[in-house]
Amino acid sequence: MLILTAKLNKKRLLALVILAAVALAALILSLSDRPEASAALGSGQASAKGIKTNEDRLAYVQSLGYAVEEQPSRSQEVMIPSEFDQVYQEYNGLQKECGFDLEKYRGKQVMLYTYTVQNYPDEPEVMLDLLVYRNRVIGGAVYSAALDGFMHGLEPISGGNAAE
């Protein structure tokens, strides 16, 4: 039989407590550095998690400053491609600018909800897409249906690009 003993003095105990506190603080900071989390922290934006109902989607969209029609104009299941072509790479770049990344959803079936935006400055036909996977917004875009239209990610309407 093997018996181990350890003598723990107050200095070592204090050092272990401080080390544990530093490790816990580092863990908390690393979790808040995730793109999904940092996109919503401190901005008054609703969480991208827990999106189960149309009301949840509307609350998320409204937290970005968009007024949309009550019901989506389109709701369908779509597949994120397993391999991204050039167009999808550019689209994912747009997502990354807003704190999302579709690469981890390659080959997954996700829900696409399209809403008509009612309050976009100086633009009559603007749509907002939400991509939702397992009750979480994983991406989306705001775009104009006009021929000379635009597209940008899910950023707040007052975030500068809304008037472009």
N, C-alpha and C. Protein backbone atom coordinates (compact mmCIF):
# COMPACT_ATOMS: atom_id res chain seq x y z
N MET A 1 0.84 -1.17 0.00
CA MET A 1 0.00 0.00 0.00
C MET A 1 0.89 1.24 0.00
N LEU A 2 0.50 2.22 -0.78
CA LEU A 2 1.26 3.45 -0.94
C LEU A 2 0.49 4.59 -0.28
N ILE A 3 1.14 5.32 0.57
CA ILE A 3 0.51 6.45 1.24
C ILE A 3 1.29 7.71 0.89
N LEU A 4 0.57 8.70 0.38
CA LEU A 4 1.18 9.99 0.05
C LEU A 4 0.67 11.02 1.03
N THR A 5 1.57 11.84 1.47
CA THR A 5 1.17 12.94 2.33
C THR A 5 1.72 14.22 1.72
N ALA A 6 1.02 15.29 1.97
CA ALA A 6 1.46 16.59 1.46
C ALA A 6 1.26 17.62 2.55
N LYS A 7 2.24 18.44 2.68
CA LYS A 7 2.15 19.52 3.65
C LYS A 7 1.78 20.78 2.87
N LEU A 8 0.67 21.36 3.21
CA LEU A 8 0.17 22.53 2.50
C LEU A 8 0.15 23.70 3.47
N ASN A 9 1.03 24.64 3.21
CA ASN A 9 1.04 25.81 4.08
C ASN A 9 0.14 26.90 3.51
N LYS A 10 -0.04 27.95 4.26
CA LYS A 10 -0.95 29.02 3.86
C LYS A 10 -0.52 29.69 2.57
N LYS A 11 0.75 29.85 2.32
CA LYS A 11 1.23 30.48 1.09
C LYS A 11 0.87 29.64 -0.13
N ARG A 12 1.07 28.33 -0.04
CA ARG A 12 0.74 27.46 -1.17
C ARG A 12 -0.77 27.43 -1.41
N LEU A 13 -1.54 27.39 -0.34
CA LEU A 13 -2.99 27.41 -0.47
C LEU A 13 -3.46 28.69 -1.14
N LEU A 14 -2.91 29.82 -0.73
CA LEU A 14 -3.26 31.10 -1.33
C LEU A 14 -2.88 31.12 -2.81
N ALA A 15 -1.70 30.58 -3.13
CA ALA A 15 -1.26 30.53 -4.53
C ALA A 15 -2.20 29.67 -5.37
N LEU A 16 -2.67 28.54 -4.83
CA LEU A 16 -3.61 27.68 -5.56
C LEU A 16 -4.94 28.37 -5.77
N VAL A 17 -5.43 29.10 -4.78
CA VAL A 17 -6.69 29.82 -4.91
C VAL A 17 -6.56 30.91 -5.98
N ILE A 18 -5.47 31.65 -5.98
CA ILE A 18 -5.24 32.70 -6.98
C ILE A 18 -5.13 32.08 -8.37
N LEU A 19 -4.42 30.97 -8.48
CA LEU A 19 -4.28 30.30 -9.77
C LEU A 19 -5.64 29.83 -10.29
N ALA A 20 -6.47 29.29 -9.42
CA ALA A 20 -7.81 28.85 -9.83
C ALA A 20 -8.65 30.04 -10.27
N ALA A 21 -8.56 31.17 -9.57
CA ALA A 21 -9.32 32.36 -9.95
C ALA A 21 -8.88 32.89 -11.31
N VAL A 22 -7.58 32.89 -11.56
CA VAL A 22 -7.06 33.35 -12.85
C VAL A 22 -7.53 32.42 -13.97
N ALA A 23 -7.50 31.11 -13.73
CA ALA A 23 -7.96 30.15 -14.73
C ALA A 23 -9.45 30.34 -15.02
N LEU A 24 -10.25 30.57 -14.00
CA LEU A 24 -11.68 30.80 -14.19
C LEU A 24 -11.92 32.09 -14.97
N ALA A 25 -11.19 33.15 -14.65
CA ALA A 25 -11.33 34.41 -15.38
C ALA A 25 -10.95 34.23 -16.85
N ALA A 26 -9.89 33.48 -17.12
CA ALA A 26 -9.47 33.23 -18.51
C ALA A 26 -10.53 32.44 -19.26
N LEU A 27 -11.16 31.48 -18.60
CA LEU A 27 -12.22 30.71 -19.23
C LEU A 27 -13.41 31.59 -19.59
N ILE A 28 -13.80 32.45 -18.67
CA ILE A 28 -14.92 33.35 -18.91
C ILE A 28 -14.61 34.30 -20.06
N LEU A 29 -13.41 34.85 -20.10
CA LEU A 29 -13.02 35.75 -21.18
C LEU A 29 -12.97 35.03 -22.51
N SER A 30 -12.50 33.80 -22.53
CA SER A 30 -12.43 33.07 -23.80
C SER A 30 -13.82 32.75 -24.33
N LEU A 31 -14.77 32.48 -23.43
CA LEU A 31 -16.14 32.23 -23.88
C LEU A 31 -16.78 33.49 -24.44
N SER A 32 -16.47 34.64 -23.88
CA SER A 32 -17.06 35.89 -24.38
C SER A 32 -16.39 36.36 -25.66
N ASP A 33 -15.27 35.73 -26.06
CA ASP A 33 -14.60 36.09 -27.31
C ASP A 33 -15.15 35.33 -28.50
N ARG A 34 -16.08 34.39 -28.28
CA ARG A 34 -16.68 33.69 -29.40
C ARG A 34 -17.46 34.67 -30.24
N PRO A 35 -17.43 34.52 -31.57
CA PRO A 35 -18.12 35.49 -32.43
C PRO A 35 -19.59 35.66 -32.11
N GLU A 36 -20.31 34.55 -31.86
CA GLU A 36 -21.73 34.68 -31.59
C GLU A 36 -21.98 35.50 -30.33
N ALA A 37 -21.11 35.30 -29.33
CA ALA A 37 -21.30 36.01 -28.07
C ALA A 37 -20.88 37.46 -28.20
N SER A 38 -19.75 37.71 -28.85
CA SER A 38 -19.27 39.09 -28.91
C SER A 38 -20.13 39.96 -29.80
N ALA A 39 -20.84 39.36 -30.74
CA ALA A 39 -21.71 40.16 -31.60
C ALA A 39 -22.85 40.78 -30.82
N ALA A 40 -23.25 40.13 -29.74
CA ALA A 40 -24.40 40.61 -28.99
C ALA A 40 -24.04 41.31 -27.69
N LEU A 41 -22.82 41.13 -27.19
CA LEU A 41 -22.48 41.70 -25.90
C LEU A 41 -22.42 43.22 -25.95
N GLY A 42 -23.04 43.85 -25.00
CA GLY A 42 -22.94 45.28 -24.84
C GLY A 42 -23.64 46.11 -25.89
N SER A 43 -24.39 45.52 -26.78
CA SER A 43 -24.99 46.30 -27.85
C SER A 43 -26.50 46.42 -27.70
N GLY A 44 -27.07 45.77 -26.69
CA GLY A 44 -28.52 45.78 -26.55
C GLY A 44 -29.19 44.83 -27.53
N GLN A 45 -28.40 44.07 -28.26
CA GLN A 45 -28.92 43.14 -29.25
C GLN A 45 -29.40 41.88 -28.54
N ALA A 46 -30.54 41.37 -28.96
CA ALA A 46 -31.06 40.12 -28.40
C ALA A 46 -30.09 38.99 -28.70
N SER A 47 -30.14 37.99 -27.88
CA SER A 47 -29.27 36.84 -28.06
C SER A 47 -29.65 36.08 -29.33
N ALA A 48 -28.64 35.54 -30.00
CA ALA A 48 -28.87 34.72 -31.19
C ALA A 48 -29.28 33.31 -30.80
N LYS A 49 -29.25 33.00 -29.51
CA LYS A 49 -29.63 31.68 -29.02
C LYS A 49 -31.09 31.68 -28.59
N GLY A 50 -31.67 30.50 -28.49
CA GLY A 50 -33.04 30.36 -28.01
C GLY A 50 -34.09 30.86 -28.98
N ILE A 51 -33.80 30.79 -30.27
CA ILE A 51 -34.73 31.26 -31.30
C ILE A 51 -35.61 30.08 -31.71
N LYS A 52 -36.75 29.96 -31.02
CA LYS A 52 -37.64 28.82 -31.25
C LYS A 52 -38.91 29.19 -32.02
N THR A 53 -39.37 30.42 -31.87
CA THR A 53 -40.66 30.81 -32.44
C THR A 53 -40.50 32.04 -33.34
N ASN A 54 -41.57 32.34 -34.05
CA ASN A 54 -41.57 33.56 -34.87
C ASN A 54 -41.38 34.79 -33.98
N GLU A 55 -41.96 34.78 -32.78
CA GLU A 55 -41.81 35.91 -31.87
C GLU A 55 -40.34 36.09 -31.47
N ASP A 56 -39.61 34.99 -31.27
CA ASP A 56 -38.18 35.06 -30.96
C ASP A 56 -37.41 35.66 -32.13
N ARG A 57 -37.76 35.24 -33.35
CA ARG A 57 -37.08 35.79 -34.53
C ARG A 57 -37.37 37.27 -34.66
N LEU A 58 -38.64 37.66 -34.46
CA LEU A 58 -39.00 39.08 -34.54
C LEU A 58 -38.27 39.90 -33.49
N ALA A 59 -38.16 39.38 -32.28
CA ALA A 59 -37.45 40.10 -31.21
C ALA A 59 -35.98 40.28 -31.59
N TYR A 60 -35.37 39.26 -32.17
CA TYR A 60 -33.97 39.36 -32.59
C TYR A 60 -33.81 40.43 -33.68
N VAL A 61 -34.67 40.37 -34.68
CA VAL A 61 -34.62 41.34 -35.78
C VAL A 61 -34.87 42.76 -35.26
N GLN A 62 -35.84 42.91 -34.38
CA GLN A 62 -36.15 44.23 -33.82
C GLN A 62 -35.00 44.76 -32.97
N SER A 63 -34.25 43.86 -32.32
CA SER A 63 -33.10 44.31 -31.53
C SER A 63 -32.02 44.92 -32.42
N LEU A 64 -32.04 44.57 -33.71
CA LEU A 64 -31.10 45.16 -34.67
C LEU A 64 -31.63 46.48 -35.23
N GLY A 65 -32.87 46.82 -34.89
CA GLY A 65 -33.45 48.07 -35.32
C GLY A 65 -34.35 47.97 -36.55
N TYR A 66 -34.60 46.75 -37.00
CA TYR A 66 -35.43 46.57 -38.20
C TYR A 66 -36.89 46.36 -37.82
N ALA A 67 -37.77 47.02 -38.55
CA ALA A 67 -39.20 46.75 -38.46
C ALA A 67 -39.54 45.89 -39.67
N VAL A 68 -40.07 44.72 -39.41
CA VAL A 68 -40.39 43.79 -40.49
C VAL A 68 -41.86 43.40 -40.40
N GLU A 69 -42.35 42.84 -41.50
CA GLU A 69 -43.71 42.32 -41.47
C GLU A 69 -43.79 41.19 -40.45
N GLU A 70 -44.96 41.04 -39.86
CA GLU A 70 -45.20 40.09 -38.76
C GLU A 70 -44.82 38.66 -39.12
N GLN A 71 -45.13 38.23 -40.32
CA GLN A 71 -44.86 36.85 -40.75
C GLN A 71 -43.79 36.85 -41.84
N PRO A 72 -42.96 35.82 -41.86
CA PRO A 72 -41.96 35.75 -42.94
C PRO A 72 -42.64 35.54 -44.28
N SER A 73 -42.08 36.15 -45.32
CA SER A 73 -42.61 35.95 -46.66
C SER A 73 -42.17 34.60 -47.22
N ARG A 74 -41.12 34.04 -46.63
CA ARG A 74 -40.63 32.72 -47.04
C ARG A 74 -40.06 32.02 -45.82
N SER A 75 -40.28 30.74 -45.75
CA SER A 75 -39.76 29.91 -44.67
C SER A 75 -39.48 28.55 -45.28
N GLN A 76 -38.20 28.19 -45.36
CA GLN A 76 -37.88 26.91 -45.99
C GLN A 76 -36.59 26.34 -45.44
N GLU A 77 -36.45 25.04 -45.57
CA GLU A 77 -35.24 24.37 -45.16
C GLU A 77 -34.25 24.42 -46.32
N VAL A 78 -33.01 24.80 -46.03
CA VAL A 78 -31.97 24.86 -47.05
C VAL A 78 -30.74 24.14 -46.51
N MET A 79 -29.87 23.73 -47.43
CA MET A 79 -28.65 23.06 -47.01
C MET A 79 -27.45 23.98 -47.23
N ILE A 80 -26.64 24.10 -46.20
CA ILE A 80 -25.36 24.80 -46.35
C ILE A 80 -24.46 23.83 -47.11
N PRO A 81 -23.87 24.27 -48.22
CA PRO A 81 -23.06 23.34 -49.03
C PRO A 81 -21.88 22.77 -48.24
N SER A 82 -21.52 21.53 -48.57
CA SER A 82 -20.34 20.90 -47.95
C SER A 82 -19.06 21.57 -48.42
N GLU A 83 -19.05 21.96 -49.68
CA GLU A 83 -17.90 22.67 -50.26
C GLU A 83 -18.37 24.06 -50.69
N PHE A 84 -17.63 25.08 -50.28
CA PHE A 84 -17.99 26.46 -50.63
C PHE A 84 -17.34 26.85 -51.95
N ASP A 85 -18.16 27.26 -52.93
CA ASP A 85 -17.61 27.84 -54.15
C ASP A 85 -17.26 29.30 -53.86
N GLN A 86 -16.80 30.02 -54.86
CA GLN A 86 -16.36 31.41 -54.68
C GLN A 86 -17.49 32.29 -54.15
N VAL A 87 -18.68 32.13 -54.67
CA VAL A 87 -19.82 32.93 -54.25
C VAL A 87 -20.13 32.68 -52.77
N TYR A 88 -20.13 31.40 -52.37
CA TYR A 88 -20.44 31.08 -50.98
C TYR A 88 -19.32 31.52 -50.05
N GLN A 89 -18.07 31.49 -50.52
CA GLN A 89 -16.96 32.00 -49.71
C GLN A 89 -17.13 33.49 -49.45
N GLU A 90 -17.55 34.23 -50.47
CA GLU A 90 -17.79 35.67 -50.30
C GLU A 90 -18.97 35.91 -49.36
N TYR A 91 -20.01 35.10 -49.49
CA TYR A 91 -21.17 35.21 -48.60
C TYR A 91 -20.76 34.92 -47.16
N ASN A 92 -19.93 33.90 -46.97
CA ASN A 92 -19.47 33.59 -45.62
C ASN A 92 -18.56 34.70 -45.08
N GLY A 93 -17.82 35.35 -45.95
CA GLY A 93 -17.03 36.51 -45.52
C GLY A 93 -17.93 37.60 -44.96
N LEU A 94 -19.06 37.80 -45.62
CA LEU A 94 -20.07 38.75 -45.13
C LEU A 94 -20.57 38.33 -43.75
N GLN A 95 -20.78 37.03 -43.57
CA GLN A 95 -21.23 36.52 -42.27
C GLN A 95 -20.17 36.75 -41.19
N LYS A 96 -18.93 36.50 -41.54
CA LYS A 96 -17.83 36.65 -40.57
C LYS A 96 -17.71 38.10 -40.10
N GLU A 97 -17.99 39.06 -40.99
CA GLU A 97 -17.94 40.47 -40.60
C GLU A 97 -18.94 40.78 -39.49
N CYS A 98 -19.99 39.99 -39.38
CA CYS A 98 -21.04 40.21 -38.38
C CYS A 98 -20.95 39.23 -37.22
N GLY A 99 -19.86 38.48 -37.14
CA GLY A 99 -19.66 37.58 -36.02
C GLY A 99 -20.20 36.18 -36.21
N PHE A 100 -20.59 35.83 -37.43
CA PHE A 100 -21.08 34.49 -37.72
C PHE A 100 -20.04 33.77 -38.58
N ASP A 101 -20.16 32.46 -38.68
CA ASP A 101 -19.29 31.68 -39.56
C ASP A 101 -20.03 30.42 -39.97
N LEU A 102 -20.32 30.30 -41.24
CA LEU A 102 -21.10 29.17 -41.73
C LEU A 102 -20.26 27.92 -41.98
N GLU A 103 -18.94 28.02 -41.87
CA GLU A 103 -18.08 26.87 -42.15
C GLU A 103 -18.40 25.69 -41.23
N LYS A 104 -18.72 25.95 -39.98
CA LYS A 104 -19.01 24.84 -39.06
C LYS A 104 -20.38 24.21 -39.31
N TYR A 105 -21.14 24.78 -40.24
CA TYR A 105 -22.46 24.24 -40.58
C TYR A 105 -22.48 23.61 -41.97
N ARG A 106 -21.31 23.36 -42.55
CA ARG A 106 -21.23 22.74 -43.87
C ARG A 106 -21.98 21.41 -43.88
N GLY A 107 -22.81 21.24 -44.92
CA GLY A 107 -23.55 20.00 -45.06
C GLY A 107 -24.77 19.88 -44.15
N LYS A 108 -25.08 20.91 -43.40
CA LYS A 108 -26.22 20.88 -42.47
C LYS A 108 -27.47 21.48 -43.10
N GLN A 109 -28.61 20.94 -42.73
CA GLN A 109 -29.90 21.51 -43.12
C GLN A 109 -30.23 22.59 -42.10
N VAL A 110 -30.53 23.79 -42.57
CA VAL A 110 -30.89 24.91 -41.69
C VAL A 110 -32.19 25.54 -42.19
N MET A 111 -32.82 26.30 -41.34
CA MET A 111 -34.04 27.00 -41.75
C MET A 111 -33.68 28.40 -42.22
N LEU A 112 -34.29 28.80 -43.32
CA LEU A 112 -34.15 30.14 -43.87
C LEU A 112 -35.49 30.84 -43.73
N TYR A 113 -35.47 31.97 -43.04
CA TYR A 113 -36.67 32.80 -42.88
C TYR A 113 -36.39 34.14 -43.54
N THR A 114 -37.28 34.55 -44.43
CA THR A 114 -37.14 35.83 -45.13
C THR A 114 -38.26 36.76 -44.71
N TYR A 115 -37.88 37.95 -44.27
CA TYR A 115 -38.85 38.96 -43.84
C TYR A 115 -38.73 40.19 -44.73
N THR A 116 -39.84 40.88 -44.93
CA THR A 116 -39.84 42.15 -45.65
C THR A 116 -39.58 43.27 -44.64
N VAL A 117 -38.55 44.06 -44.91
CA VAL A 117 -38.17 45.16 -44.02
C VAL A 117 -39.03 46.37 -44.37
N GLN A 118 -39.59 47.01 -43.36
CA GLN A 118 -40.47 48.15 -43.56
C GLN A 118 -39.83 49.50 -43.26
N ASN A 119 -38.67 49.52 -42.63
CA ASN A 119 -38.10 50.80 -42.18
C ASN A 119 -36.68 51.05 -42.68
N TYR A 120 -36.32 50.48 -43.82
CA TYR A 120 -34.97 50.71 -44.33
C TYR A 120 -34.94 52.08 -45.01
N PRO A 121 -33.98 52.94 -44.65
CA PRO A 121 -33.94 54.30 -45.19
C PRO A 121 -33.81 54.34 -46.72
N ASP A 122 -34.70 55.06 -47.36
CA ASP A 122 -34.64 55.35 -48.79
C ASP A 122 -34.63 54.12 -49.69
N GLU A 123 -35.10 53.00 -49.23
CA GLU A 123 -35.14 51.79 -50.04
C GLU A 123 -36.52 51.15 -49.90
N PRO A 124 -37.24 50.98 -51.01
CA PRO A 124 -38.60 50.44 -50.91
C PRO A 124 -38.69 48.92 -50.77
N GLU A 125 -37.80 48.18 -51.40
CA GLU A 125 -37.91 46.71 -51.43
C GLU A 125 -36.69 46.08 -50.76
N VAL A 126 -36.73 45.96 -49.44
CA VAL A 126 -35.60 45.39 -48.72
C VAL A 126 -36.07 44.15 -47.98
N MET A 127 -35.26 43.11 -48.05
CA MET A 127 -35.56 41.84 -47.42
C MET A 127 -34.48 41.54 -46.37
N LEU A 128 -34.86 40.73 -45.39
CA LEU A 128 -33.93 40.31 -44.35
C LEU A 128 -34.05 38.79 -44.23
N ASP A 129 -32.93 38.11 -44.38
CA ASP A 129 -32.87 36.66 -44.23
C ASP A 129 -32.26 36.30 -42.89
N LEU A 130 -32.84 35.31 -42.23
CA LEU A 130 -32.26 34.72 -41.02
C LEU A 130 -32.00 33.25 -41.30
N LEU A 131 -30.80 32.79 -41.00
CA LEU A 131 -30.48 31.38 -41.05
C LEU A 131 -30.48 30.87 -39.61
N VAL A 132 -31.30 29.85 -39.34
CA VAL A 132 -31.44 29.33 -37.98
C VAL A 132 -31.14 27.84 -37.98
N TYR A 133 -30.28 27.45 -37.04
CA TYR A 133 -29.93 26.04 -36.87
C TYR A 133 -30.03 25.71 -35.38
N ARG A 134 -30.83 24.73 -35.07
CA ARG A 134 -31.01 24.28 -33.68
C ARG A 134 -31.28 25.44 -32.73
N ASN A 135 -32.28 26.25 -33.09
CA ASN A 135 -32.75 27.36 -32.26
C ASN A 135 -31.70 28.45 -32.05
N ARG A 136 -30.81 28.62 -33.02
CA ARG A 136 -29.78 29.65 -32.94
C ARG A 136 -29.64 30.33 -34.30
N VAL A 137 -29.59 31.66 -34.29
CA VAL A 137 -29.30 32.39 -35.53
C VAL A 137 -27.83 32.16 -35.84
N ILE A 138 -27.56 31.63 -37.04
CA ILE A 138 -26.18 31.34 -37.42
C ILE A 138 -25.71 32.24 -38.55
N GLY A 139 -26.60 33.11 -39.05
CA GLY A 139 -26.22 34.01 -40.12
C GLY A 139 -27.45 34.66 -40.72
N GLY A 140 -27.20 35.44 -41.74
CA GLY A 140 -28.28 36.11 -42.43
C GLY A 140 -27.78 37.32 -43.18
N ALA A 141 -28.70 38.01 -43.82
CA ALA A 141 -28.32 39.17 -44.62
C ALA A 141 -29.51 40.09 -44.79
N VAL A 142 -29.19 41.34 -45.09
CA VAL A 142 -30.18 42.34 -45.44
C VAL A 142 -29.83 42.74 -46.87
N TYR A 143 -30.84 42.77 -47.76
CA TYR A 143 -30.54 43.04 -49.16
C TYR A 143 -31.71 43.72 -49.84
N SER A 144 -31.39 44.39 -50.93
CA SER A 144 -32.40 45.06 -51.74
C SER A 144 -32.75 44.16 -52.91
N ALA A 145 -34.04 44.12 -53.23
CA ALA A 145 -34.50 43.33 -54.37
C ALA A 145 -34.34 44.09 -55.68
N ALA A 146 -33.91 45.35 -55.64
CA ALA A 146 -33.75 46.15 -56.85
C ALA A 146 -32.55 45.66 -57.67
N LEU A 147 -32.57 45.98 -58.98
CA LEU A 147 -31.46 45.58 -59.86
C LEU A 147 -30.12 46.16 -59.41
N ASP A 148 -30.13 47.40 -58.94
CA ASP A 148 -28.89 48.03 -58.48
C ASP A 148 -28.80 47.94 -56.95
N GLY A 149 -29.28 46.84 -56.41
CA GLY A 149 -29.43 46.67 -54.97
C GLY A 149 -28.12 46.48 -54.23
N PHE A 150 -28.25 46.09 -52.99
CA PHE A 150 -27.12 45.94 -52.08
C PHE A 150 -27.35 44.70 -51.24
N MET A 151 -26.32 44.31 -50.51
CA MET A 151 -26.43 43.24 -49.53
C MET A 151 -25.40 43.51 -48.44
N HIS A 152 -25.84 43.35 -47.20
CA HIS A 152 -24.89 43.40 -46.08
C HIS A 152 -25.36 42.42 -45.03
N GLY A 153 -24.52 42.17 -44.07
CA GLY A 153 -24.82 41.20 -43.03
C GLY A 153 -25.84 41.71 -42.03
N LEU A 154 -26.10 40.91 -41.02
CA LEU A 154 -27.07 41.25 -39.97
C LEU A 154 -26.43 42.21 -38.97
N GLU A 155 -26.30 43.43 -39.40
CA GLU A 155 -25.77 44.47 -38.51
C GLU A 155 -26.90 45.41 -38.16
N PRO A 156 -26.77 46.11 -37.06
CA PRO A 156 -27.83 47.05 -36.68
C PRO A 156 -28.10 48.07 -37.78
N ILE A 157 -29.35 48.44 -37.93
CA ILE A 157 -29.75 49.37 -38.99
C ILE A 157 -29.06 50.72 -38.82
N SER A 158 -28.75 51.10 -37.61
CA SER A 158 -28.05 52.37 -37.38
C SER A 158 -26.54 52.20 -37.49
N GLY A 159 -26.08 51.04 -37.94
CA GLY A 159 -24.66 50.74 -37.97
C GLY A 159 -23.89 51.29 -39.15
N GLY A 160 -24.42 52.21 -39.90
CA GLY A 160 -23.64 52.85 -40.96
C GLY A 160 -23.99 52.32 -42.33
N ASN A 161 -24.08 51.00 -42.51
CA ASN A 161 -24.37 50.45 -43.83
C ASN A 161 -25.84 50.53 -44.18
N ALA A 162 -26.66 50.82 -43.22
CA ALA A 162 -28.09 50.82 -43.49
C ALA A 162 -28.50 51.89 -44.49
N ALA A 163 -27.76 52.93 -44.61
CA ALA A 163 -28.13 54.00 -45.52
C ALA A 163 -27.36 53.94 -46.82
N GLU A 164 -26.51 52.94 -46.99
CA GLU A 164 -25.73 52.86 -48.24
C GLU A 164 -26.57 52.41 -49.40
